[in-house]
Protein backbone atom coordinates (compact mmCIF):
# COMPACT_ATOMS: atom_id res chain seq x y z
CA MET A 1 0.00 0.00 0.00
CA PHE A 2 2.79 2.36 0.93
CA THR A 3 4.65 1.50 -2.23
CA PHE A 4 1.56 2.21 -4.34
CA VAL A 5 1.17 5.65 -2.73
CA ARG A 6 4.82 6.43 -3.38
CA MET A 7 4.45 5.43 -7.02
CA GLN A 8 1.38 7.64 -7.40
CA PHE A 9 3.24 10.56 -5.86
CA LEU A 10 6.24 9.95 -8.08
CA ARG A 11 4.06 9.91 -11.19
CA LYS A 12 2.53 13.23 -10.17
CA VAL A 13 5.97 14.72 -9.61
CA ILE A 14 7.19 13.47 -12.98
CA ARG A 15 4.01 14.74 -14.64
CA PHE A 16 4.51 18.14 -12.96
CA LEU A 17 8.18 18.34 -13.94
CA GLY A 18 7.34 17.32 -17.48
CA ARG A 19 4.69 20.02 -17.77
CA PHE A 20 6.98 22.57 -16.10
CA LEU A 21 9.84 21.74 -18.48
CA LYS A 22 7.49 21.77 -21.45
CA TYR A 23 6.04 25.19 -20.67
CA SER A 24 9.43 26.51 -19.61
CA LEU A 25 10.88 25.52 -22.97
CA ILE A 26 7.89 27.09 -24.69
CA CYS A 27 8.42 30.29 -22.69
CA VAL A 28 12.13 30.31 -23.44
CA PHE A 29 11.38 29.72 -27.12
CA ILE A 30 8.82 32.53 -27.10
CA LEU A 31 11.29 34.82 -25.36
CA LEU A 32 13.98 33.94 -27.88
CA ILE A 33 11.58 34.66 -30.73
CA ALA A 34 10.54 37.90 -29.06
CA PHE A 35 14.17 38.88 -28.53
CA PHE A 36 15.04 37.95 -32.11
CA ILE A 37 12.12 40.03 -33.36
CA ALA A 38 13.01 42.87 -30.99
CA ILE A 39 16.63 43.09 -32.07
CA GLN A 40 15.48 43.36 -35.67
CA THR A 41 13.32 46.37 -34.95
CA SER A 42 14.81 49.81 -35.53
CA THR A 43 13.65 50.98 -32.09
CA PHE A 44 15.54 48.27 -30.22
CA GLN A 45 18.59 48.56 -32.47
CA THR A 46 18.61 52.32 -32.00
CA TYR A 47 18.46 51.81 -28.22
CA LEU A 48 21.49 49.50 -28.35
CA GLY A 49 23.27 51.94 -30.67
CA LYS A 50 22.69 54.82 -28.27
CA GLN A 51 24.00 52.73 -25.37
CA ALA A 52 27.10 51.80 -27.35
CA SER A 53 27.74 55.41 -28.48
CA SER A 54 27.27 56.62 -24.89
CA TRP A 55 29.81 54.07 -23.65
CA LEU A 56 32.28 54.97 -26.40
CA SER A 57 31.83 58.68 -25.64
CA LYS A 58 33.01 58.05 -22.09
CA GLU A 59 35.89 55.90 -23.29
CA LEU A 60 37.11 58.57 -25.72
CA ASN A 61 36.19 61.55 -23.53
CA THR A 62 34.19 63.15 -26.32
CA THR A 63 30.64 63.22 -27.68
CA ILE A 64 29.40 60.49 -30.03
CA SER A 65 25.74 60.06 -30.88
CA ILE A 66 23.55 58.12 -33.31
CA ASP A 67 19.95 59.08 -34.03
CA GLN A 68 18.82 55.82 -35.60
CA VAL A 69 20.13 52.30 -36.27
CA ASP A 70 18.74 49.80 -38.78
CA ILE A 71 20.39 46.37 -38.99
CA ASP A 72 19.50 43.67 -41.48
CA PHE A 73 21.57 40.89 -39.94
CA PHE A 74 24.42 39.64 -42.12
CA ASN A 75 23.26 41.92 -44.94
CA SER A 76 23.53 45.59 -44.00
CA VAL A 77 23.90 48.18 -41.25
CA VAL A 78 22.42 51.68 -41.57
CA LEU A 79 23.37 54.49 -39.19
CA LYS A 80 21.49 57.78 -39.37
CA GLY A 81 22.36 61.06 -37.70
CA VAL A 82 25.94 60.10 -36.77
CA TYR A 83 27.75 62.82 -34.82
CA VAL A 84 31.35 62.76 -33.53
CA GLU A 85 33.17 65.61 -31.78
CA ASP A 86 36.93 66.02 -31.54
CA LEU A 87 38.72 66.81 -28.29
CA LYS A 88 38.25 70.56 -28.96
CA LYS A 89 34.46 70.02 -28.95
CA ASP A 90 34.28 70.85 -32.65
CA THR A 91 32.55 68.66 -35.22
CA LEU A 92 34.80 65.89 -36.49
CA LEU A 93 32.09 63.97 -38.34
CA TYR A 94 28.41 64.51 -38.92
CA GLY A 95 26.35 62.46 -41.30
CA ALA A 96 22.78 62.06 -42.34
CA GLU A 97 23.32 58.43 -43.36
CA LEU A 98 26.04 55.78 -43.32
CA ILE A 99 25.27 52.43 -44.98
CA CYS A 100 27.42 49.28 -44.76
CA LYS A 101 26.50 46.37 -47.02
CA ILE A 102 27.91 43.02 -45.83
CA SER A 103 28.75 40.28 -48.32
CA ASP A 104 30.18 37.71 -45.86
CA PHE A 105 30.56 37.32 -42.11
CA SER A 106 32.12 34.44 -40.16
CA TYR A 107 32.86 34.67 -36.48
CA SER A 108 34.61 31.30 -36.45
CA GLU A 109 36.92 32.40 -39.27
CA TYR A 110 37.34 35.93 -37.87
CA LYS A 111 36.25 37.37 -41.20
CA LEU A 112 34.07 40.29 -42.28
CA ASP A 113 33.69 41.23 -45.93
CA LEU A 114 32.13 44.63 -46.58
CA GLU A 115 30.61 44.77 -50.04
CA GLU A 116 30.06 48.53 -49.98
CA ILE A 117 30.15 51.52 -47.65
CA GLN A 118 27.96 54.46 -48.61
CA LEU A 119 28.11 57.96 -47.10
CA ASN A 120 25.19 60.27 -47.80
CA ASN A 121 25.05 63.99 -46.91
CA MET A 122 27.99 63.90 -44.52
CA ASP A 123 30.41 66.51 -43.19
CA ALA A 124 33.98 65.60 -42.16
CA ASN A 125 36.54 68.02 -40.72
CA LEU A 126 40.13 66.83 -40.38
CA ILE A 127 42.07 69.61 -38.66
CA LYS A 128 45.54 70.04 -37.22
CA TYR A 129 44.94 72.79 -34.69
CA LYS A 130 47.46 75.56 -34.14
CA GLY A 131 50.25 74.26 -31.91
CA ASP A 132 49.29 70.59 -32.38
CA SER A 133 51.46 68.05 -34.19
CA THR A 134 48.65 65.63 -35.10
CA TYR A 135 45.22 65.91 -36.67
CA ASN A 136 42.02 65.94 -34.61
CA TYR A 137 41.08 62.32 -35.45
CA GLN A 138 44.32 60.87 -34.03
CA PHE A 139 42.85 60.18 -30.57
CA ILE A 140 40.34 57.79 -32.14
CA ALA A 141 43.03 56.04 -34.17
CA ASP A 142 45.18 55.70 -31.04
CA TYR A 143 42.29 54.21 -29.06
CA PHE A 144 41.58 51.44 -31.53
CA VAL A 145 45.20 50.86 -32.56
CA PRO A 146 47.45 52.05 -29.70
CA ALA A 147 51.03 52.71 -30.70
CA ASP A 148 52.40 50.57 -27.85
CA THR A 149 50.11 47.61 -28.43
CA ILE A 150 51.85 44.25 -28.11
CA LYS A 151 50.51 41.92 -30.74
CA ASP A 152 48.89 38.77 -29.38
CA THR A 153 50.09 35.96 -31.62
CA THR A 154 48.06 33.35 -29.77
CA SER A 155 44.73 34.55 -31.16
CA SER A 156 43.56 35.12 -34.70
CA GLU A 157 43.11 38.65 -36.03
CA PHE A 158 39.69 39.67 -37.24
CA LYS A 159 40.15 40.28 -40.95
CA ILE A 160 38.06 42.99 -42.60
CA SER A 161 38.05 43.37 -46.38
CA TYR A 162 36.59 46.44 -48.06
CA GLY A 163 34.69 46.47 -51.32
CA GLY A 164 33.40 49.74 -52.71
CA LEU A 165 32.85 53.19 -51.26
CA LYS A 166 30.17 55.57 -52.50
CA LEU A 167 30.01 59.24 -51.59
CA ASN A 168 26.91 61.33 -52.15
CA ASN A 169 27.04 65.05 -51.32
CA VAL A 170 29.87 64.91 -48.78
CA ASP A 171 31.60 68.05 -47.47
CA PHE A 172 35.23 67.52 -46.52
CA ALA A 173 37.87 69.77 -44.91
CA PHE A 174 41.59 69.04 -44.49
CA ILE A 175 43.20 71.95 -42.65
CA ASP A 176 46.59 72.60 -41.04
CA GLU A 177 46.28 75.73 -38.89
CA ASN A 178 50.06 75.77 -38.34
CA ASP A 179 50.57 76.59 -42.02
CA THR A 180 49.77 80.28 -42.50
CA SER A 181 50.60 80.42 -46.21
CA THR A 182 48.10 82.03 -48.58
CA SER A 183 47.39 81.44 -52.25
CA LYS A 184 45.19 82.81 -55.02
CA GLY A 185 44.74 79.22 -56.14
CA ILE A 186 44.22 76.03 -54.15
CA ASN A 187 45.83 76.20 -50.73
CA PHE A 188 46.82 72.63 -49.89
CA ALA A 189 47.08 73.51 -46.20
CA LYS A 190 43.45 74.63 -46.10
CA LEU A 191 41.47 72.33 -48.36
CA LYS A 192 37.68 72.53 -48.22
CA PHE A 193 35.56 70.50 -50.62
CA THR A 194 31.78 70.59 -50.97
CA GLY A 195 29.36 68.41 -52.92
CA VAL A 196 31.82 65.53 -53.09
CA SER A 197 30.29 62.52 -54.85
CA GLY A 198 31.66 59.44 -56.56
CA ALA A 199 32.32 55.70 -56.42
CA PHE A 200 35.56 54.07 -55.24
CA SER A 201 36.52 50.41 -55.64
CA ASP A 202 39.53 48.03 -55.71
CA PHE A 203 40.82 49.78 -52.60
CA MET A 204 44.24 48.84 -51.21
CA MET A 205 46.20 50.66 -48.53
CA ASN A 206 49.82 50.07 -47.48
CA LYS A 207 51.05 52.51 -44.84
CA ASP A 208 50.82 55.96 -46.49
CA THR A 209 50.07 54.64 -49.99
CA ILE A 210 46.60 54.17 -51.48
CA ASP A 211 45.60 52.39 -54.68
CA ILE A 212 42.01 52.84 -55.78
CA LYS A 213 39.67 52.94 -58.78
CA ILE A 214 37.59 56.12 -59.03
CA ASP A 215 34.38 56.58 -61.04
CA ASN A 216 32.22 59.68 -61.57
CA PHE A 217 34.01 61.69 -58.89
CA THR A 218 32.97 65.33 -58.60
CA ALA A 219 33.89 68.07 -56.11
CA ARG A 220 34.10 71.83 -55.66
CA GLU A 221 36.99 73.39 -53.71
CA GLN A 222 36.61 76.64 -51.76
CA SER A 223 39.09 78.40 -54.07
CA GLY A 224 36.56 78.07 -56.90
CA PHE A 225 38.08 75.05 -58.65
CA TYR A 226 35.29 72.74 -59.85
CA LEU A 227 35.95 69.18 -60.90
CA GLU A 228 32.98 68.09 -62.99
CA LYS A 229 34.02 64.47 -63.50
CA LEU A 230 36.99 62.22 -62.75
CA ASN A 231 37.41 58.58 -63.76
CA THR A 232 40.78 56.95 -63.15
CA ILE A 233 42.80 54.15 -61.60
CA ALA A 234 44.79 56.05 -58.97
CA HIS A 235 47.96 55.45 -56.99
CA ILE A 236 48.37 58.07 -54.25
CA SER A 237 51.34 58.55 -51.91
CA PRO A 238 53.46 61.44 -50.56
CA LEU A 239 55.98 60.74 -53.35
CA ASP A 240 53.66 60.48 -56.33
CA ILE A 241 50.13 60.63 -57.65
CA LYS A 242 49.56 58.37 -60.66
CA LEU A 243 46.36 58.57 -62.66
CA ASP A 244 45.95 55.84 -65.27
CA SER A 245 42.97 55.39 -67.62
CA LEU A 246 42.32 59.04 -66.90
CA TYR A 247 39.23 61.04 -67.79
CA LEU A 248 39.25 64.45 -66.09
CA LYS A 249 36.84 67.24 -66.94
CA THR A 250 36.28 70.72 -65.57
CA ASN A 251 34.22 73.44 -67.23
CA LYS A 252 37.39 74.58 -69.07
CA THR A 253 39.65 71.51 -69.34
CA LEU A 254 39.43 67.92 -70.60
CA LEU A 255 42.26 65.41 -70.10
CA LYS A 256 42.27 61.79 -71.26
CA GLY A 257 45.11 59.28 -71.05
CA ARG A 258 47.74 59.07 -68.29
CA TYR A 259 48.99 61.71 -65.87
CA TYR A 260 51.63 61.29 -63.12
CA MET A 261 52.95 63.81 -60.58
CA HIS A 262 56.20 62.98 -58.76
CA THR A 263 57.18 64.89 -55.59
CA ASN A 264 59.44 64.77 -52.53
CA SER A 265 56.48 65.14 -50.13
CA TRP A 266 52.98 66.60 -49.88
CA GLU A 267 54.56 70.00 -49.23
CA SER A 268 55.95 69.99 -52.78
CA TYR A 269 52.50 70.93 -54.11
CA ASN A 270 52.84 74.34 -52.44
CA ASP A 271 55.66 75.01 -54.95
CA TYR A 272 54.09 73.33 -57.97
CA ILE A 273 56.20 75.20 -60.54
CA ASN A 274 59.55 73.94 -59.27
CA MET A 275 58.84 70.86 -57.17
CA VAL A 276 56.21 68.80 -59.01
CA TYR A 277 57.56 66.66 -61.87
CA MET A 278 54.78 65.89 -64.33
CA ASP A 279 54.62 62.92 -66.71
CA ALA A 280 51.64 62.95 -69.06
CA ASP A 281 50.61 60.93 -72.09
CA LEU A 282 47.47 62.57 -73.44
CA LYS A 283 45.09 61.25 -76.07
CA ASP A 284 43.52 63.17 -78.94
CA SER A 285 40.85 65.86 -78.33
CA CYS A 286 42.22 66.95 -74.95
CA TYR A 287 42.23 70.64 -74.10
CA VAL A 288 43.71 72.62 -71.22
CA SER A 289 42.88 76.09 -69.90
CA ALA A 290 45.55 78.18 -68.21
CA ALA A 291 42.79 79.29 -65.84
CA ASP A 292 42.61 75.73 -64.46
CA ILE A 293 46.39 75.38 -64.22
CA ALA A 294 46.36 78.65 -62.24
CA TRP A 295 44.53 76.90 -59.38
CA PHE A 296 47.80 74.97 -58.87
CA VAL A 297 50.21 77.58 -60.29
CA PRO A 298 48.98 80.96 -58.93
CA GLU A 299 51.51 82.83 -61.10
CA LEU A 300 49.19 82.12 -64.03
CA TYR A 301 46.19 83.71 -62.31
CA GLY A 302 44.31 85.89 -64.80
CA ASN A 303 45.44 83.90 -67.85
CA ASN A 304 42.46 82.46 -69.75
CA ASN A 305 44.23 81.07 -72.82
CA LYS A 306 43.18 77.54 -73.83
CA ILE A 307 44.98 75.03 -76.04
CA THR A 308 44.09 71.69 -77.57
CA ILE A 309 46.76 69.11 -76.77
CA SER A 310 47.81 65.50 -77.32
CA GLY A 311 51.13 63.68 -76.97
CA LYS A 312 53.72 63.22 -74.23
CA VAL A 313 54.83 65.94 -71.80
CA ARG A 314 57.38 65.57 -68.99
CA GLY A 315 59.06 67.83 -66.46
CA THR A 316 58.24 70.63 -64.04
CA VAL A 317 56.41 73.77 -65.12
CA ASN A 318 59.74 75.65 -65.23
CA SER A 319 61.50 72.86 -67.16
CA LEU A 320 59.11 71.16 -69.55
CA LYS A 321 59.67 68.78 -72.46
CA GLY A 322 57.21 67.53 -75.08
CA LYS A 323 57.45 64.58 -77.47
CA ASN A 324 55.28 63.84 -80.50
CA LEU A 325 53.14 66.71 -79.38
CA TYR A 326 50.16 68.32 -81.06
CA LEU A 327 49.08 71.77 -79.88
CA ALA A 328 46.33 73.95 -81.33
CA TYR A 329 45.35 77.48 -80.35
CA GLY A 330 42.82 79.92 -81.69
CA LYS A 331 41.51 79.53 -85.23
CA ASN A 332 44.70 79.07 -87.26
CA THR A 333 47.57 78.22 -84.92
CA ALA A 334 48.79 74.63 -84.52
CA PHE A 335 52.05 72.80 -83.77
CA LYS A 336 53.28 69.25 -84.37
CA GLY A 337 56.70 68.17 -83.11
CA ASP A 338 58.90 68.19 -79.99
CA PHE A 339 59.76 71.01 -77.61
CA ASN A 340 61.85 72.00 -74.61
CA ILE A 341 60.80 75.04 -72.54
CA GLU A 342 62.89 76.39 -69.64
CA GLY A 343 61.85 79.26 -67.37
CA LEU A 344 58.06 79.41 -67.22
CA PRO A 345 55.99 81.23 -66.08
CA ASP A 346 58.40 84.18 -66.65
CA ILE A 347 57.68 84.26 -70.39
CA GLU A 348 60.02 87.18 -71.15
CA ASN A 349 62.99 85.14 -69.86
CA THR A 350 61.83 81.71 -70.95
CA TYR A 351 64.10 79.74 -73.28
CA ILE A 352 62.31 77.72 -75.94
CA HIS A 353 63.44 75.02 -78.35
CA PHE A 354 60.97 73.69 -80.89
CA ASP A 355 61.73 70.88 -83.32
CA ILE A 356 58.86 71.54 -85.68
CA LYS A 357 57.34 69.06 -88.08
CA THR A 358 54.56 71.51 -88.93
CA LEU A 359 53.62 74.90 -87.51
CA THR A 360 50.84 77.19 -88.65
CA ALA A 361 50.06 80.57 -87.13
CA SER A 362 48.38 83.89 -87.77
CA ARG A 363 48.95 87.33 -86.32
CA SER A 364 45.33 87.51 -85.14
CA ASP A 365 45.82 84.36 -83.04
CA LEU A 366 49.19 85.37 -81.64
CA MET A 367 47.84 88.74 -80.49
CA THR A 368 45.32 86.96 -78.21
CA ILE A 369 48.10 85.25 -76.22
CA GLN A 370 48.21 86.81 -72.76
CA VAL A 371 51.55 87.86 -71.22
CA PRO A 372 52.46 88.71 -67.60
CA PRO A 373 51.13 90.31 -65.55
CA PHE A 374 48.07 88.33 -66.60
CA GLU A 375 45.68 90.16 -64.28
CA LYS A 376 46.24 93.34 -66.31
CA ASN A 377 45.01 91.69 -69.52
CA LYS A 378 48.23 92.30 -71.44
CA TYR A 379 48.64 90.52 -74.78
CA LEU A 380 51.47 89.62 -77.11
CA GLU A 381 52.21 92.56 -79.42
CA ILE A 382 52.98 91.73 -83.05
CA PRO A 383 53.88 94.40 -85.69
CA SER A 384 51.01 95.05 -88.08
CA ASN A 385 53.20 94.19 -91.11
CA ILE A 386 53.39 90.58 -89.94
CA GLY A 387 49.68 90.32 -90.65
CA LYS A 388 50.44 90.64 -94.38
CA LEU A 389 52.03 87.19 -94.24
CA GLY A 390 48.57 85.69 -93.74
CA ILE A 391 48.52 82.21 -92.25
CA ILE A 392 52.17 81.19 -92.08
CA LYS A 393 53.41 77.61 -92.30
CA PHE A 394 56.83 76.66 -90.98
CA LYS A 395 58.93 73.50 -90.78
CA GLY A 396 62.28 73.50 -89.00
CA LYS A 397 63.65 74.57 -85.60
CA ILE A 398 63.15 77.59 -83.36
CA ASP A 399 65.45 78.43 -80.46
CA GLY A 400 65.89 81.28 -77.99
CA LEU A 401 63.95 83.76 -75.90
CA ILE A 402 60.65 85.29 -76.97
CA ASN A 403 62.47 88.58 -77.77
CA ASP A 404 65.70 87.05 -79.11
CA ILE A 405 64.84 84.05 -81.21
CA ALA A 406 66.50 82.09 -84.01
CA ALA A 407 64.62 80.24 -86.75
CA TYR A 408 66.02 77.58 -89.07
CA GLY A 409 63.68 76.17 -91.70
CA THR A 410 61.20 76.84 -94.45
CA LEU A 411 58.47 79.46 -94.07
CA ASN A 412 55.52 79.50 -96.46
CA THR A 413 53.30 82.59 -96.41
CA SER A 414 50.58 84.17 -98.52
CA ILE A 415 53.19 86.48 -100.09
CA GLY A 416 55.86 83.89 -100.86
CA THR A 417 58.35 81.35 -99.49
CA VAL A 418 61.34 82.06 -97.26
CA ILE A 419 64.09 79.63 -96.25
CA THR A 420 65.58 81.00 -93.05
CA ASP A 421 68.68 80.80 -90.93
CA ILE A 422 68.00 83.97 -89.05
CA GLY A 423 67.88 85.57 -85.62
CA ILE A 424 65.09 87.98 -84.69
CA SER A 425 65.08 90.40 -81.74
CA ASN A 426 62.36 92.57 -80.15
CA LEU A 427 59.58 90.48 -81.70
CA SER A 428 57.08 91.18 -78.91
CA ASP A 429 58.38 94.54 -77.67
CA SER A 430 56.50 97.35 -79.40
CA LYS A 431 58.79 99.95 -77.80
CA LYS A 432 61.83 98.60 -79.66
CA THR A 433 62.39 98.23 -83.39
CA LEU A 434 62.31 94.70 -84.78
CA ALA A 435 65.89 93.59 -85.52
CA TYR A 436 67.20 90.63 -87.53
CA HIS A 437 70.40 89.07 -88.79
CA GLY A 438 71.42 85.91 -90.63
CA ARG A 439 70.79 84.42 -94.06
CA ILE A 440 67.55 84.03 -95.99
CA LYS A 441 66.61 82.59 -99.33
CA THR A 442 63.33 83.68 -100.91
CA HIS A 443 61.22 82.33 -103.73
CA ASN A 444 58.63 84.60 -105.36
CA LEU A 445 58.40 86.74 -102.23
CA HIS A 446 56.22 89.86 -102.55
CA LEU A 447 58.63 91.90 -100.48
CA GLY A 448 56.98 95.20 -101.38
CA THR A 449 53.73 94.04 -99.79
CA LEU A 450 55.55 93.22 -96.54
CA LEU A 451 57.43 96.54 -96.57
CA GLU A 452 54.39 98.50 -97.79
CA ASN A 453 56.36 99.83 -100.76
CA GLN A 454 54.85 99.53 -104.23
CA ASP A 455 58.23 100.16 -105.89
CA ILE A 456 59.43 96.71 -104.79
CA GLY A 457 57.96 93.73 -106.58
CA VAL A 458 58.47 89.97 -106.40
CA VAL A 459 61.90 88.98 -105.11
CA SER A 460 63.84 85.70 -105.32
CA MET A 461 67.21 85.92 -103.59
CA ASN A 462 69.82 84.24 -101.41
CA VAL A 463 71.42 86.83 -99.16
CA LYS A 464 73.07 87.47 -95.83
CA LEU A 465 71.38 90.32 -94.01
CA SER A 466 71.40 92.47 -90.91
CA GLY A 467 68.89 95.18 -90.23
CA LYS A 468 66.06 96.72 -88.24
CA GLY A 469 62.38 97.40 -88.91
CA VAL A 470 59.99 96.19 -91.57
CA THR A 471 59.60 99.45 -93.47
CA LEU A 472 62.01 101.50 -95.61
CA ASP A 473 61.77 104.56 -93.33
């Protein structure tokens, strides 16, 4: 009897424990489902994000906030209203929207592959304050990667790979307050870009060197320089910027091909004329405006001349060489050949050497070439008699300064042909009389037309000469 009672009691206990375990598991399952649903809601995710940003604010001794968080697990993370202050309580980063698209995540393999990061309507300010030796973001970099960290070789590193980056209407400042230099063009110590948009892919970074593919990049700098579109495969470091597969367009310039800039450091760009070695291989239909070059070479400020260009160009602005070059200016002026120019932008003291396959020019075009000081709208002055030559065509070599030049070759004009081995002085100085010396050979040259003297007719000659002026007065 006692045994039967004990068995009955035991069955009740087992039945109770079974029901308790059953409903407990159901409750746990319901709670897990509820938690899983909760953590997928923006409200709960935003709450966690605010807690995390509050904790990180205390850790970094600054202010970090996030207005809204949306997480689609293993697919994407969206942060809205991101705000980060620097240690001076100024805005380091503010953004309407930051989107991270995830292509692969494995905790066991310590791997995170980011397919794309997208920044929309953001504002970033990287500043080296006066008296500081580092930029205002350095305290964050030091927190996550301390300089004195001892690497733990016993555990695996979490590997993060980056796919693409898209920018949409981003404002960006890169300022060094310790550099007080000023410039009429772009001041590389006080860069401020607005409306930055574009797509970046194939990103690789090794110390201070970046390799990246850029598509549809556009930006406006505070100086006034406006980059309408940039497509290129870029290599960027303190020693060089290499732009391959280049397509660069502003409202006044179009470059296609390859363009490299070699320097000693970033500071070299503050002395672009002397310190930046350029290496360009430009395709057909490119054109360059001096007004755009002036953003980087302020000495050209006020010069609005534009040329069509293709071929290879190497050197610094003050020591430039061209190979297999085609240049066109105005309506009638064009050049094919090689050149070497030493001394720009001081055009009056610039030495030029042209190995000319073909050259055409007209007085009307040449008189639209601006000369320093460019801001005063001064133009190259050519004697009116030169206009009687019409559109001239020349093949040969030209050497010397703009006001003391030597020409060797064949000159075809509308009034006859001249084979020259001659030096010409005072070509662009209206205050001095044109002077010349050397040997010329003419064929059916209407010399009287050039000298405005009807008593002189057609002349064919081979003479050595020395003289001044282009009239008989």
